[in-house]
Structures are given as structure tokens and as C-alpha cells.
Amino acid sequence: CCSLYISGKQLPPNPESLLRARYIAYMTGNMNYIANTMH
């Protein structure tokens, strides 16, 4: 699930997968992932 996306092994295939991965990134304090998924 989310660890695939946060690790960079896969890109989230849809907005819901991206939202879920961003939630986990916030939980774990991974602001690099948060910034890299914004535009």
C-alpha cells in the first residue's frame, strides 16, 4: 500500500492512493514526500 508510494517504488495510480500515502507521510513526518507530491 502506501509504503510502495512513499519509498518511490511506485507512483500512486489515482488521487485516493495519493491521499492515503500523504496521510501516512504526515503521520511519519515525511515532509519531503508531502512537498514532492504537491504542485
PDB file of all heavy atoms in Angstrom:
ATOM      1  N   CYS A   1       0.848  -1.197   0.000  1.00  0.00           N
ATOM      2  CA  CYS A   1       0.000   0.000   0.000  1.00  0.00           C
ATOM      3  C   CYS A   1       0.882   1.245   0.000  1.00  0.00           C
ATOM      4  O   CYS A   1       1.746   1.382  -0.864  1.00  0.00           O
ATOM      5  CB  CYS A   1      -0.934  -0.047   1.213  1.00  0.00           C
ATOM      6  SG  CYS A   1      -2.321   1.116   1.120  1.00  0.00           S
ATOM      7  N   CYS A   2       0.707   2.106   0.954  1.00  0.00           N
ATOM      8  CA  CYS A   2       1.352   3.417   0.976  1.00  0.00           C
ATOM      9  C   CYS A   2       2.870   3.375   0.969  1.00  0.00           C
ATOM     10  O   CYS A   2       3.515   4.255   0.386  1.00  0.00           O
ATOM     11  CB  CYS A   2       0.849   4.212   2.177  1.00  0.00           C
ATOM     12  SG  CYS A   2      -0.915   4.569   2.065  1.00  0.00           S
ATOM     13  N   SER A   3       3.465   2.373   1.578  1.00  0.00           N
ATOM     14  CA  SER A   3       4.931   2.318   1.605  1.00  0.00           C
ATOM     15  C   SER A   3       5.521   2.173   0.199  1.00  0.00           C
ATOM     16  O   SER A   3       6.625   2.647  -0.060  1.00  0.00           O
ATOM     17  CB  SER A   3       5.428   1.201   2.529  1.00  0.00           C
ATOM     18  OG  SER A   3       5.019  -0.049   2.054  1.00  0.00           O
ATOM     19  N   LEU A   4       4.788   1.566  -0.717  1.00  0.00           N
ATOM     20  CA  LEU A   4       5.243   1.480  -2.109  1.00  0.00           C
ATOM     21  C   LEU A   4       5.403   2.869  -2.726  1.00  0.00           C
ATOM     22  O   LEU A   4       6.346   3.122  -3.474  1.00  0.00           O
ATOM     23  CB  LEU A   4       4.241   0.693  -2.962  1.00  0.00           C
ATOM     24  CG  LEU A   4       4.211  -0.813  -2.831  1.00  0.00           C
ATOM     25  CD1 LEU A   4       3.066  -1.382  -3.647  1.00  0.00           C
ATOM     26  CD2 LEU A   4       5.532  -1.412  -3.277  1.00  0.00           C
ATOM     27  N   TYR A   5       4.466   3.753  -2.398  1.00  0.00           N
ATOM     28  CA  TYR A   5       4.467   5.087  -2.972  1.00  0.00           C
ATOM     29  C   TYR A   5       5.479   5.993  -2.272  1.00  0.00           C
ATOM     30  O   TYR A   5       6.236   6.706  -2.924  1.00  0.00           O
ATOM     31  CB  TYR A   5       3.073   5.701  -2.906  1.00  0.00           C
ATOM     32  CG  TYR A   5       2.000   4.771  -3.412  1.00  0.00           C
ATOM     33  CD1 TYR A   5       0.831   4.554  -2.698  1.00  0.00           C
ATOM     34  CD2 TYR A   5       2.166   4.068  -4.613  1.00  0.00           C
ATOM     35  CE1 TYR A   5      -0.147   3.694  -3.159  1.00  0.00           C
ATOM     36  CE2 TYR A   5       1.189   3.192  -5.075  1.00  0.00           C
ATOM     37  CZ  TYR A   5       0.034   3.018  -4.348  1.00  0.00           C
ATOM     38  OH  TYR A   5      -0.924   2.166  -4.799  1.00  0.00           O
ATOM     39  N   ILE A   6       5.500   5.938  -0.952  1.00  0.00           N
ATOM     40  CA  ILE A   6       6.411   6.795  -0.189  1.00  0.00           C
ATOM     41  C   ILE A   6       7.868   6.426  -0.459  1.00  0.00           C
ATOM     42  O   ILE A   6       8.727   7.304  -0.536  1.00  0.00           O
ATOM     43  CB  ILE A   6       6.058   6.738   1.316  1.00  0.00           C
ATOM     44  CG1 ILE A   6       4.666   7.371   1.532  1.00  0.00           C
ATOM     45  CG2 ILE A   6       7.113   7.455   2.153  1.00  0.00           C
ATOM     46  CD1 ILE A   6       4.097   7.190   2.920  1.00  0.00           C
ATOM     47  N   SER A   7       8.140   5.154  -0.652  1.00  0.00           N
ATOM     48  CA  SER A   7       9.509   4.707  -0.948  1.00  0.00           C
ATOM     49  C   SER A   7       9.932   5.047  -2.374  1.00  0.00           C
ATOM     50  O   SER A   7      11.111   4.976  -2.702  1.00  0.00           O
ATOM     51  CB  SER A   7       9.619   3.192  -0.750  1.00  0.00           C
ATOM     52  OG  SER A   7       8.886   2.518  -1.763  1.00  0.00           O
ATOM     53  N   GLY A   8       8.979   5.402  -3.226  1.00  0.00           N
ATOM     54  CA  GLY A   8       9.288   5.719  -4.614  1.00  0.00           C
ATOM     55  C   GLY A   8       9.294   4.507  -5.532  1.00  0.00           C
ATOM     56  O   GLY A   8       9.604   4.624  -6.714  1.00  0.00           O
ATOM     57  N   LYS A   9       8.933   3.329  -5.002  1.00  0.00           N
ATOM     58  CA  LYS A   9       8.916   2.116  -5.824  1.00  0.00           C
ATOM     59  C   LYS A   9       7.816   2.167  -6.879  1.00  0.00           C
ATOM     60  O   LYS A   9       7.938   1.565  -7.936  1.00  0.00           O
ATOM     61  CB  LYS A   9       8.767   0.879  -4.950  1.00  0.00           C
ATOM     62  CG  LYS A   9       9.992   0.601  -4.102  1.00  0.00           C
ATOM     63  CD  LYS A   9       9.793  -0.600  -3.233  1.00  0.00           C
ATOM     64  CE  LYS A   9      11.016  -0.820  -2.346  1.00  0.00           C
ATOM     65  NZ  LYS A   9      10.806  -1.910  -1.391  1.00  0.00           N
ATOM     66  N   GLN A  10       6.713   2.847  -6.540  1.00  0.00           N
ATOM     67  CA  GLN A  10       5.600   3.014  -7.470  1.00  0.00           C
ATOM     68  C   GLN A  10       5.019   4.402  -7.286  1.00  0.00           C
ATOM     69  O   GLN A  10       5.146   4.998  -6.213  1.00  0.00           O
ATOM     70  CB  GLN A  10       4.495   1.993  -7.213  1.00  0.00           C
ATOM     71  CG  GLN A  10       4.823   0.585  -7.593  1.00  0.00           C
ATOM     72  CD  GLN A  10       3.630  -0.346  -7.382  1.00  0.00           C
ATOM     73  OE1 GLN A  10       2.505   0.075  -7.134  1.00  0.00           O
ATOM     74  NE2 GLN A  10       3.878  -1.632  -7.491  1.00  0.00           N
ATOM     75  N   LEU A  11       4.341   4.892  -8.326  1.00  0.00           N
ATOM     76  CA  LEU A  11       3.594   6.134  -8.220  1.00  0.00           C
ATOM     77  C   LEU A  11       2.149   5.794  -7.870  1.00  0.00           C
ATOM     78  O   LEU A  11       1.614   4.786  -8.367  1.00  0.00           O
ATOM     79  CB  LEU A  11       3.625   6.900  -9.544  1.00  0.00           C
ATOM     80  CG  LEU A  11       4.973   7.456  -9.963  1.00  0.00           C
ATOM     81  CD1 LEU A  11       4.888   8.042 -11.370  1.00  0.00           C
ATOM     82  CD2 LEU A  11       5.458   8.502  -8.975  1.00  0.00           C
ATOM     83  N   PRO A  12       1.503   6.596  -7.048  1.00  0.00           N
ATOM     84  CA  PRO A  12       0.087   6.341  -6.760  1.00  0.00           C
ATOM     85  C   PRO A  12      -0.726   6.361  -8.058  1.00  0.00           C
ATOM     86  O   PRO A  12      -0.585   7.296  -8.854  1.00  0.00           O
ATOM     87  CB  PRO A  12      -0.307   7.501  -5.840  1.00  0.00           C
ATOM     88  CG  PRO A  12       0.982   7.972  -5.244  1.00  0.00           C
ATOM     89  CD  PRO A  12       2.003   7.751  -6.310  1.00  0.00           C
ATOM     90  N   PRO A  13      -1.564   5.344  -8.279  1.00  0.00           N
ATOM     91  CA  PRO A  13      -2.288   5.250  -9.540  1.00  0.00           C
ATOM     92  C   PRO A  13      -3.500   6.170  -9.652  1.00  0.00           C
ATOM     93  O   PRO A  13      -4.068   6.313 -10.735  1.00  0.00           O
ATOM     94  CB  PRO A  13      -2.722   3.783  -9.579  1.00  0.00           C
ATOM     95  CG  PRO A  13      -2.839   3.401  -8.135  1.00  0.00           C
ATOM     96  CD  PRO A  13      -1.767   4.171  -7.424  1.00  0.00           C
ATOM     97  N   ASN A  14      -3.903   6.774  -8.526  1.00  0.00           N
ATOM     98  CA  ASN A  14      -5.098   7.621  -8.536  1.00  0.00           C
ATOM     99  C   ASN A  14      -5.038   8.585  -7.347  1.00  0.00           C
ATOM    100  O   ASN A  14      -4.205   8.433  -6.446  1.00  0.00           O
ATOM    101  CB  ASN A  14      -6.368   6.759  -8.501  1.00  0.00           C
ATOM    102  CG  ASN A  14      -6.353   5.785  -7.345  1.00  0.00           C
ATOM    103  OD1 ASN A  14      -6.125   6.153  -6.194  1.00  0.00           O
ATOM    104  ND2 ASN A  14      -6.595   4.515  -7.641  1.00  0.00           N
ATOM    105  N   PRO A  15      -5.921   9.596  -7.333  1.00  0.00           N
ATOM    106  CA  PRO A  15      -5.911  10.564  -6.237  1.00  0.00           C
ATOM    107  C   PRO A  15      -6.120   9.939  -4.855  1.00  0.00           C
ATOM    108  O   PRO A  15      -5.492  10.363  -3.879  1.00  0.00           O
ATOM    109  CB  PRO A  15      -7.070  11.510  -6.587  1.00  0.00           C
ATOM    110  CG  PRO A  15      -7.160  11.446  -8.071  1.00  0.00           C
ATOM    111  CD  PRO A  15      -6.852   9.995  -8.399  1.00  0.00           C
ATOM    112  N   GLU A  16      -6.967   8.925  -4.744  1.00  0.00           N
ATOM    113  CA  GLU A  16      -7.204   8.316  -3.436  1.00  0.00           C
ATOM    114  C   GLU A  16      -5.942   7.656  -2.887  1.00  0.00           C
ATOM    115  O   GLU A  16      -5.614   7.804  -1.705  1.00  0.00           O
ATOM    116  CB  GLU A  16      -8.342   7.288  -3.491  1.00  0.00           C
ATOM    117  CG  GLU A  16      -8.638   6.708  -2.121  1.00  0.00           C
ATOM    118  CD  GLU A  16      -9.806   5.747  -2.100  1.00  0.00           C
ATOM    119  OE1 GLU A  16     -10.564   5.660  -3.084  1.00  0.00           O
ATOM    120  OE2 GLU A  16      -9.976   5.073  -1.059  1.00  0.00           O
ATOM    121  N   SER A  17      -5.207   6.968  -3.731  1.00  0.00           N
ATOM    122  CA  SER A  17      -3.947   6.351  -3.296  1.00  0.00           C
ATOM    123  C   SER A  17      -2.948   7.418  -2.868  1.00  0.00           C
ATOM    124  O   SER A  17      -2.219   7.241  -1.890  1.00  0.00           O
ATOM    125  CB  SER A  17      -3.343   5.507  -4.414  1.00  0.00           C
ATOM    126  OG  SER A  17      -4.186   4.428  -4.722  1.00  0.00           O
ATOM    127  N   LEU A  18      -2.921   8.525  -3.592  1.00  0.00           N
ATOM    128  CA  LEU A  18      -2.023   9.626  -3.225  1.00  0.00           C
ATOM    129  C   LEU A  18      -2.438  10.228  -1.890  1.00  0.00           C
ATOM    130  O   LEU A  18      -1.586  10.475  -1.027  1.00  0.00           O
ATOM    131  CB  LEU A  18      -2.013  10.697  -4.315  1.00  0.00           C
ATOM    132  CG  LEU A  18      -1.149  11.925  -4.019  1.00  0.00           C
ATOM    133  CD1 LEU A  18       0.300  11.543  -3.745  1.00  0.00           C
ATOM    134  CD2 LEU A  18      -1.244  12.922  -5.167  1.00  0.00           C
ATOM    135  N   LEU A  19      -3.721  10.452  -1.688  1.00  0.00           N
ATOM    136  CA  LEU A  19      -4.198  10.999  -0.408  1.00  0.00           C
ATOM    137  C   LEU A  19      -3.816  10.081   0.747  1.00  0.00           C
ATOM    138  O   LEU A  19      -3.312  10.534   1.786  1.00  0.00           O
ATOM    139  CB  LEU A  19      -5.713  11.194  -0.426  1.00  0.00           C
ATOM    140  CG  LEU A  19      -6.337  11.577   0.920  1.00  0.00           C
ATOM    141  CD1 LEU A  19      -5.914  12.971   1.350  1.00  0.00           C
ATOM    142  CD2 LEU A  19      -7.842  11.466   0.860  1.00  0.00           C
ATOM    143  N   ARG A  20      -4.027   8.798   0.584  1.00  0.00           N
ATOM    144  CA  ARG A  20      -3.700   7.844   1.648  1.00  0.00           C
ATOM    145  C   ARG A  20      -2.190   7.855   1.948  1.00  0.00           C
ATOM    146  O   ARG A  20      -1.784   7.856   3.109  1.00  0.00           O
ATOM    147  CB  ARG A  20      -4.175   6.444   1.276  1.00  0.00           C
ATOM    148  CG  ARG A  20      -5.682   6.299   1.289  1.00  0.00           C
ATOM    149  CD  ARG A  20      -6.117   4.884   0.931  1.00  0.00           C
ATOM    150  NE  ARG A  20      -7.561   4.757   0.882  1.00  0.00           N
ATOM    151  CZ  ARG A  20      -8.354   4.665   1.935  1.00  0.00           C
ATOM    152  NH1 ARG A  20      -7.858   4.676   3.150  1.00  0.00           N
ATOM    153  NH2 ARG A  20      -9.663   4.548   1.784  1.00  0.00           N
ATOM    154  N   ALA A  21      -1.359   7.903   0.915  1.00  0.00           N
ATOM    155  CA  ALA A  21       0.087   7.945   1.121  1.00  0.00           C
ATOM    156  C   ALA A  21       0.504   9.252   1.797  1.00  0.00           C
ATOM    157  O   ALA A  21       1.376   9.257   2.676  1.00  0.00           O
ATOM    158  CB  ALA A  21       0.817   7.775  -0.208  1.00  0.00           C
ATOM    159  N   ARG A  22      -0.122  10.349   1.428  1.00  0.00           N
ATOM    160  CA  ARG A  22       0.183  11.635   2.064  1.00  0.00           C
ATOM    161  C   ARG A  22      -0.216  11.620   3.536  1.00  0.00           C
ATOM    162  O   ARG A  22       0.494  12.173   4.378  1.00  0.00           O
ATOM    163  CB  ARG A  22      -0.510  12.783   1.314  1.00  0.00           C
ATOM    164  CG  ARG A  22       0.157  13.092  -0.025  1.00  0.00           C
ATOM    165  CD  ARG A  22      -0.647  14.091  -0.839  1.00  0.00           C
ATOM    166  NE  ARG A  22      -0.991  15.288  -0.097  1.00  0.00           N
ATOM    167  CZ  ARG A  22      -0.198  16.352   0.037  1.00  0.00           C
ATOM    168  NH1 ARG A  22       0.999  16.380  -0.522  1.00  0.00           N
ATOM    169  NH2 ARG A  22      -0.615  17.405   0.720  1.00  0.00           N
ATOM    170  N   TYR A  23      -1.301  10.960   3.870  1.00  0.00           N
ATOM    171  CA  TYR A  23      -1.711  10.816   5.272  1.00  0.00           C
ATOM    172  C   TYR A  23      -0.613  10.093   6.053  1.00  0.00           C
ATOM    173  O   TYR A  23      -0.202  10.533   7.127  1.00  0.00           O
ATOM    174  CB  TYR A  23      -3.040  10.059   5.346  1.00  0.00           C
ATOM    175  CG  TYR A  23      -3.481   9.686   6.740  1.00  0.00           C
ATOM    176  CD1 TYR A  23      -4.004  10.644   7.605  1.00  0.00           C
ATOM    177  CD2 TYR A  23      -3.383   8.375   7.198  1.00  0.00           C
ATOM    178  CE1 TYR A  23      -4.413  10.307   8.890  1.00  0.00           C
ATOM    179  CE2 TYR A  23      -3.791   8.031   8.477  1.00  0.00           C
ATOM    180  CZ  TYR A  23      -4.311   8.997   9.315  1.00  0.00           C
ATOM    181  OH  TYR A  23      -4.713   8.654  10.586  1.00  0.00           O
ATOM    182  N   ILE A  24      -0.113   8.990   5.518  1.00  0.00           N
ATOM    183  CA  ILE A  24       0.961   8.234   6.182  1.00  0.00           C
ATOM    184  C   ILE A  24       2.224   9.089   6.272  1.00  0.00           C
ATOM    185  O   ILE A  24       2.919   9.083   7.296  1.00  0.00           O
ATOM    186  CB  ILE A  24       1.236   6.905   5.451  1.00  0.00           C
ATOM    187  CG1 ILE A  24      -0.002   5.999   5.467  1.00  0.00           C
ATOM    188  CG2 ILE A  24       2.451   6.196   6.051  1.00  0.00           C
ATOM    189  CD1 ILE A  24      -0.505   5.623   6.857  1.00  0.00           C
ATOM    190  N   ALA A  25       2.533   9.835   5.227  1.00  0.00           N
ATOM    191  CA  ALA A  25       3.715  10.706   5.253  1.00  0.00           C
ATOM    192  C   ALA A  25       3.582  11.767   6.342  1.00  0.00           C
ATOM    193  O   ALA A  25       4.549  12.054   7.052  1.00  0.00           O
ATOM    194  CB  ALA A  25       3.923  11.346   3.887  1.00  0.00           C
ATOM    195  N   TYR A  26       2.397  12.320   6.504  1.00  0.00           N
ATOM    196  CA  TYR A  26       2.185  13.272   7.598  1.00  0.00           C
ATOM    197  C   TYR A  26       2.367  12.576   8.941  1.00  0.00           C
ATOM    198  O   TYR A  26       3.027  13.108   9.837  1.00  0.00           O
ATOM    199  CB  TYR A  26       0.796  13.919   7.523  1.00  0.00           C
ATOM    200  CG  TYR A  26       0.776  15.239   6.807  1.00  0.00           C
ATOM    201  CD1 TYR A  26       0.256  15.355   5.525  1.00  0.00           C
ATOM    202  CD2 TYR A  26       1.281  16.390   7.414  1.00  0.00           C
ATOM    203  CE1 TYR A  26       0.230  16.571   4.869  1.00  0.00           C
ATOM    204  CE2 TYR A  26       1.251  17.614   6.762  1.00  0.00           C
ATOM    205  CZ  TYR A  26       0.726  17.697   5.489  1.00  0.00           C
ATOM    206  OH  TYR A  26       0.713  18.910   4.847  1.00  0.00           O
ATOM    207  N   MET A  27       1.785  11.405   9.093  1.00  0.00           N
ATOM    208  CA  MET A  27       1.898  10.656  10.349  1.00  0.00           C
ATOM    209  C   MET A  27       3.351  10.410  10.728  1.00  0.00           C
ATOM    210  O   MET A  27       3.701  10.432  11.904  1.00  0.00           O
ATOM    211  CB  MET A  27       1.198   9.298  10.254  1.00  0.00           C
ATOM    212  CG  MET A  27      -0.289   9.344  10.319  1.00  0.00           C
ATOM    213  SD  MET A  27      -0.972   7.656  10.269  1.00  0.00           S
ATOM    214  CE  MET A  27      -0.541   7.089  11.911  1.00  0.00           C
ATOM    215  N   THR A  28       4.176  10.136   9.746  1.00  0.00           N
ATOM    216  CA  THR A  28       5.576   9.788   9.998  1.00  0.00           C
ATOM    217  C   THR A  28       6.518  10.990   9.858  1.00  0.00           C
ATOM    218  O   THR A  28       7.736  10.831   9.993  1.00  0.00           O
ATOM    219  CB  THR A  28       6.030   8.667   9.038  1.00  0.00           C
ATOM    220  OG1 THR A  28       5.866   9.112   7.683  1.00  0.00           O
ATOM    221  CG2 THR A  28       5.220   7.394   9.270  1.00  0.00           C
ATOM    222  N   GLY A  29       5.951  12.161   9.592  1.00  0.00           N
ATOM    223  CA  GLY A  29       6.767  13.369   9.494  1.00  0.00           C
ATOM    224  C   GLY A  29       7.613  13.457   8.241  1.00  0.00           C
ATOM    225  O   GLY A  29       8.627  14.146   8.230  1.00  0.00           O
ATOM    226  N   ASN A  30       7.207  12.794   7.176  1.00  0.00           N
ATOM    227  CA  ASN A  30       7.969  12.785   5.918  1.00  0.00           C
ATOM    228  C   ASN A  30       7.531  13.970   5.044  1.00  0.00           C
ATOM    229  O   ASN A  30       6.790  13.817   4.079  1.00  0.00           O
ATOM    230  CB  ASN A  30       7.765  11.455   5.199  1.00  0.00           C
ATOM    231  CG  ASN A  30       8.656  11.300   3.992  1.00  0.00           C
ATOM    232  OD1 ASN A  30       9.161  12.263   3.449  1.00  0.00           O
ATOM    233  ND2 ASN A  30       8.828  10.057   3.566  1.00  0.00           N
ATOM    234  N   MET A  31       8.026  15.151   5.390  1.00  0.00           N
ATOM    235  CA  MET A  31       7.632  16.361   4.670  1.00  0.00           C
ATOM    236  C   MET A  31       8.231  16.412   3.265  1.00  0.00           C
ATOM    237  O   MET A  31       7.686  17.084   2.394  1.00  0.00           O
ATOM    238  CB  MET A  31       8.019  17.609   5.465  1.00  0.00           C
ATOM    239  CG  MET A  31       7.267  17.756   6.785  1.00  0.00           C
ATOM    240  SD  MET A  31       5.466  17.793   6.608  1.00  0.00           S
ATOM    241  CE  MET A  31       5.014  16.241   7.409  1.00  0.00           C
ATOM    242  N   ASN A  32       9.316  15.684   3.017  1.00  0.00           N
ATOM    243  CA  ASN A  32       9.858  15.614   1.652  1.00  0.00           C
ATOM    244  C   ASN A  32       8.844  14.972   0.717  1.00  0.00           C
ATOM    245  O   ASN A  32       8.630  15.447  -0.397  1.00  0.00           O
ATOM    246  CB  ASN A  32      11.174  14.836   1.611  1.00  0.00           C
ATOM    247  CG  ASN A  32      12.320  15.621   2.196  1.00  0.00           C
ATOM    248  OD1 ASN A  32      12.311  16.848   2.192  1.00  0.00           O
ATOM    249  ND2 ASN A  32      13.302  14.920   2.711  1.00  0.00           N
ATOM    250  N   TYR A  33       8.221  13.867   1.167  1.00  0.00           N
ATOM    251  CA  TYR A  33       7.214  13.216   0.330  1.00  0.00           C
ATOM    252  C   TYR A  33       6.029  14.160   0.107  1.00  0.00           C
ATOM    253  O   TYR A  33       5.528  14.283  -1.011  1.00  0.00           O
ATOM    254  CB  TYR A  33       6.730  11.900   0.948  1.00  0.00           C
ATOM    255  CG  TYR A  33       5.753  11.187   0.042  1.00  0.00           C
ATOM    256  CD1 TYR A  33       6.206  10.463  -1.053  1.00  0.00           C
ATOM    257  CD2 TYR A  33       4.377  11.276   0.248  1.00  0.00           C
ATOM    258  CE1 TYR A  33       5.312   9.831  -1.921  1.00  0.00           C
ATOM    259  CE2 TYR A  33       3.486  10.642  -0.603  1.00  0.00           C
ATOM    260  CZ  TYR A  33       3.952   9.928  -1.689  1.00  0.00           C
ATOM    261  OH  TYR A  33       3.070   9.315  -2.545  1.00  0.00           O
ATOM    262  N   ILE A  34       5.611  14.828   1.169  1.00  0.00           N
ATOM    263  CA  ILE A  34       4.486  15.770   1.051  1.00  0.00           C
ATOM    264  C   ILE A  34       4.809  16.823  -0.009  1.00  0.00           C
ATOM    265  O   ILE A  34       4.022  17.063  -0.922  1.00  0.00           O
ATOM    266  CB  ILE A  34       4.165  16.419   2.409  1.00  0.00           C
ATOM    267  CG1 ILE A  34       3.725  15.371   3.445  1.00  0.00           C
ATOM    268  CG2 ILE A  34       3.113  17.514   2.248  1.00  0.00           C
ATOM    269  CD1 ILE A  34       2.457  14.624   3.110  1.00  0.00           C
ATOM    270  N   ALA A  35       5.959  17.454   0.091  1.00  0.00           N
ATOM    271  CA  ALA A  35       6.340  18.501  -0.862  1.00  0.00           C
ATOM    272  C   ALA A  35       6.463  17.959  -2.283  1.00  0.00           C
ATOM    273  O   ALA A  35       6.040  18.620  -3.243  1.00  0.00           O
ATOM    274  CB  ALA A  35       7.654  19.145  -0.433  1.00  0.00           C
ATOM    275  N   ASN A  36       7.011  16.761  -2.425  1.00  0.00           N
ATOM    276  CA  ASN A  36       7.208  16.178  -3.754  1.00  0.00           C
ATOM    277  C   ASN A  36       5.910  15.753  -4.427  1.00  0.00           C
ATOM    278  O   ASN A  36       5.903  15.455  -5.623  1.00  0.00           O
ATOM    279  CB  ASN A  36       8.158  14.986  -3.683  1.00  0.00           C
ATOM    280  CG  ASN A  36       9.583  15.413  -3.411  1.00  0.00           C
ATOM    281  OD1 ASN A  36       9.978  16.530  -3.729  1.00  0.00           O
ATOM    282  ND2 ASN A  36      10.352  14.531  -2.804  1.00  0.00           N
ATOM    283  N   THR A  37       4.817  15.720  -3.678  1.00  0.00           N
ATOM    284  CA  THR A  37       3.529  15.319  -4.247  1.00  0.00           C
ATOM    285  C   THR A  37       2.597  16.515  -4.420  1.00  0.00           C
ATOM    286  O   THR A  37       1.403  16.341  -4.650  1.00  0.00           O
ATOM    287  CB  THR A  37       2.846  14.252  -3.373  1.00  0.00           C
ATOM    288  OG1 THR A  37       2.664  14.761  -2.058  1.00  0.00           O
ATOM    289  CG2 THR A  37       3.659  12.967  -3.347  1.00  0.00           C
ATOM    290  N   MET A  38       3.164  17.718  -4.314  1.00  0.00           N
ATOM    291  CA  MET A  38       2.373  18.943  -4.463  1.00  0.00           C
ATOM    292  C   MET A  38       2.794  19.685  -5.726  1.00  0.00           C
ATOM    293  O   MET A  38       3.927  19.566  -6.184  1.00  0.00           O
ATOM    294  CB  MET A  38       2.572  19.852  -3.255  1.00  0.00           C
ATOM    295  CG  MET A  38       2.161  19.224  -1.957  1.00  0.00           C
ATOM    296  SD  MET A  38       2.625  20.248  -0.560  1.00  0.00           S
ATOM    297  CE  MET A  38       1.057  20.998  -0.224  1.00  0.00           C
ATOM    298  N   HIS A  39       1.858  20.493  -6.225  1.00  0.00           N
ATOM    299  CA  HIS A  39       2.117  21.289  -7.420  1.00  0.00           C
ATOM    300  C   HIS A  39       1.272  22.554  -7.312  1.00  0.00           C
ATOM    301  O   HIS A  39       0.263  22.577  -6.621  1.00  0.00           O
ATOM    302  CB  HIS A  39       1.734  20.472  -8.662  1.00  0.00           C
ATOM    303  CG  HIS A  39       2.346  20.962  -9.919  1.00  0.00           C
ATOM    304  ND1 HIS A  39       1.756  21.916 -10.712  1.00  0.00           N
ATOM    305  CD2 HIS A  39       3.503  20.634 -10.534  1.00  0.00           C
ATOM    306  CE1 HIS A  39       2.516  22.144 -11.765  1.00  0.00           C
ATOM    307  NE2 HIS A  39       3.592  21.375 -11.680  1.00  0.00           N
TER     308      HIS A  39
END
